Amino acid sequence: MLLLPTILKGNAKSVGVQQAVQLTNQSQGIFIDVRPQEAFKAGSIPQARNVPAADIQAKLASLPKDKPIIIVCEQGRDSTNVAGSLRKQGYDQAVSLEGGLRAWMSAGMPVSKKH
């Protein structure tokens, strides 16, 4: 049973909050928040770009293939799916933020509100 979550993730990788911060600091990683715009405006990781999950395919050209892309959602479910999809399309450094924005806030990391 313990292996089930690993198997379900397929080839999508996930990173914890500290790993995500390291990816941004050391490898110019970018945060992509796939939640709806209203949720993004209510509170998000300060440097994150909002690309709702429904729009991700249309915005592929704007995503770098040569940098880590950290996909963020509310709890880590949608981001795991999006990261897996991106990896299948050649974005080898796409990862999901484990636990999503909730884990980020639980770790005491900053959140910004957009107007």
Protein backbone atom coordinates (compact mmCIF):
# COMPACT_ATOMS: atom_id res chain seq x y z
CA MET A 1 0.00 0.00 0.00
CA LEU A 2 2.80 2.45 0.74
CA LEU A 3 4.03 2.27 -2.86
CA LEU A 4 0.64 3.15 -4.30
CA PRO A 5 1.08 6.96 -4.28
CA THR A 6 4.46 6.56 -6.02
CA ILE A 7 2.98 4.31 -8.68
CA LEU A 8 0.01 6.62 -9.25
CA LYS A 9 2.27 9.58 -9.92
CA GLY A 10 3.67 7.88 -13.00
CA ASN A 11 6.63 9.82 -14.28
CA ALA A 12 5.68 13.08 -12.57
CA LYS A 13 8.09 14.04 -9.85
CA SER A 14 7.22 16.11 -6.84
CA VAL A 15 9.37 18.23 -4.58
CA GLY A 16 8.90 19.53 -1.08
CA VAL A 17 8.88 23.22 -0.18
CA GLN A 18 12.61 23.40 0.61
CA GLN A 19 13.55 21.58 -2.61
CA ALA A 20 11.34 23.98 -4.58
CA VAL A 21 13.10 26.97 -3.02
CA GLN A 22 16.48 25.44 -3.88
CA LEU A 23 15.40 24.88 -7.49
CA THR A 24 14.42 28.53 -7.83
CA ASN A 25 17.54 29.85 -6.13
CA GLN A 26 20.12 27.56 -7.71
CA SER A 27 18.63 26.73 -11.12
CA GLN A 28 16.37 29.74 -11.89
CA GLY A 29 13.31 27.54 -11.48
CA ILE A 30 9.92 29.13 -11.98
CA PHE A 31 6.65 28.59 -10.14
CA ILE A 32 3.57 28.05 -12.29
CA ASP A 33 0.31 28.24 -10.32
CA VAL A 34 -2.37 26.21 -12.12
CA ARG A 35 -5.29 27.28 -9.92
CA PRO A 36 -8.08 29.48 -11.30
CA GLN A 37 -7.24 33.19 -11.49
CA GLU A 38 -9.54 34.08 -8.57
CA ALA A 39 -7.72 31.66 -6.24
CA PHE A 40 -4.35 32.91 -7.50
CA LYS A 41 -5.26 36.52 -6.75
CA ALA A 42 -6.45 35.59 -3.26
CA GLY A 43 -2.99 34.32 -2.35
CA SER A 44 -0.03 32.77 -4.14
CA ILE A 45 3.71 32.21 -4.01
CA PRO A 46 5.19 35.68 -4.63
CA GLN A 47 7.17 34.86 -7.81
CA ALA A 48 4.54 32.51 -9.29
CA ARG A 49 2.97 32.97 -12.71
CA ASN A 50 -0.69 32.06 -13.03
CA VAL A 51 -1.45 29.65 -15.86
CA PRO A 52 -4.73 27.89 -15.01
CA ALA A 53 -4.64 24.14 -15.68
CA ALA A 54 -7.26 24.54 -18.43
CA ASP A 55 -4.96 26.97 -20.29
CA ILE A 56 -1.66 25.12 -19.87
CA GLN A 57 -1.66 23.51 -23.35
CA ALA A 58 -2.28 26.88 -25.00
CA LYS A 59 0.57 28.49 -23.04
CA LEU A 60 3.21 25.77 -23.58
CA ALA A 61 5.30 27.99 -25.84
CA SER A 62 5.78 30.48 -22.99
CA LEU A 63 7.28 27.85 -20.66
CA PRO A 64 11.05 27.26 -20.65
CA LYS A 65 12.28 23.74 -21.37
CA ASP A 66 15.73 24.47 -19.95
CA LYS A 67 14.71 25.44 -16.39
CA PRO A 68 12.89 23.69 -13.57
CA ILE A 69 9.16 24.37 -13.64
CA ILE A 70 7.50 23.93 -10.26
CA ILE A 71 3.76 23.40 -10.73
CA VAL A 72 1.59 24.60 -7.83
CA CYS A 73 -2.07 23.98 -7.04
CA GLU A 74 -4.05 24.05 -3.80
CA GLN A 75 -3.12 20.63 -2.36
CA GLY A 76 -0.81 18.96 -4.88
CA ARG A 77 -3.30 16.85 -6.85
CA ASP A 78 -3.82 18.95 -9.99
CA SER A 79 -0.16 19.96 -10.09
CA THR A 80 0.92 16.30 -10.15
CA ASN A 81 -1.24 15.70 -13.23
CA VAL A 82 -0.04 18.87 -14.98
CA ALA A 83 3.64 18.13 -14.22
CA GLY A 84 3.23 14.60 -15.59
CA SER A 85 1.64 15.96 -18.75
CA LEU A 86 4.43 18.51 -19.21
CA ARG A 87 7.12 15.87 -18.71
CA LYS A 88 5.54 13.75 -21.45
CA GLN A 89 5.77 16.77 -23.76
CA GLY A 90 9.49 17.31 -23.25
CA TYR A 91 9.53 19.52 -20.17
CA ASP A 92 11.87 17.16 -18.34
CA GLN A 93 12.35 19.48 -15.37
CA ALA A 94 8.63 19.93 -14.60
CA VAL A 95 7.81 18.94 -11.02
CA SER A 96 4.84 19.27 -8.69
CA LEU A 97 5.00 21.10 -5.37
CA GLU A 98 4.15 18.37 -2.88
CA GLY A 99 1.13 19.42 -0.84
CA GLY A 100 0.58 22.50 -3.00
CA LEU A 101 0.06 26.00 -1.67
CA ARG A 102 -1.19 24.60 1.64
CA ALA A 103 2.19 22.94 2.28
CA TRP A 104 3.93 26.19 1.28
CA MET A 105 1.89 28.18 3.81
CA SER A 106 2.28 25.49 6.49
CA ALA A 107 6.04 25.82 6.09
CA GLY A 108 5.70 29.52 6.93
CA MET A 109 6.70 30.66 3.45
CA PRO A 110 5.54 34.04 2.10
CA VAL A 111 2.28 34.44 0.19
CA SER A 112 1.30 37.50 -1.80
CA LYS A 113 -2.11 38.75 -2.83
CA LYS A 114 -2.57 40.16 -6.33
CA HIS A 115 -4.97 42.96 -7.06
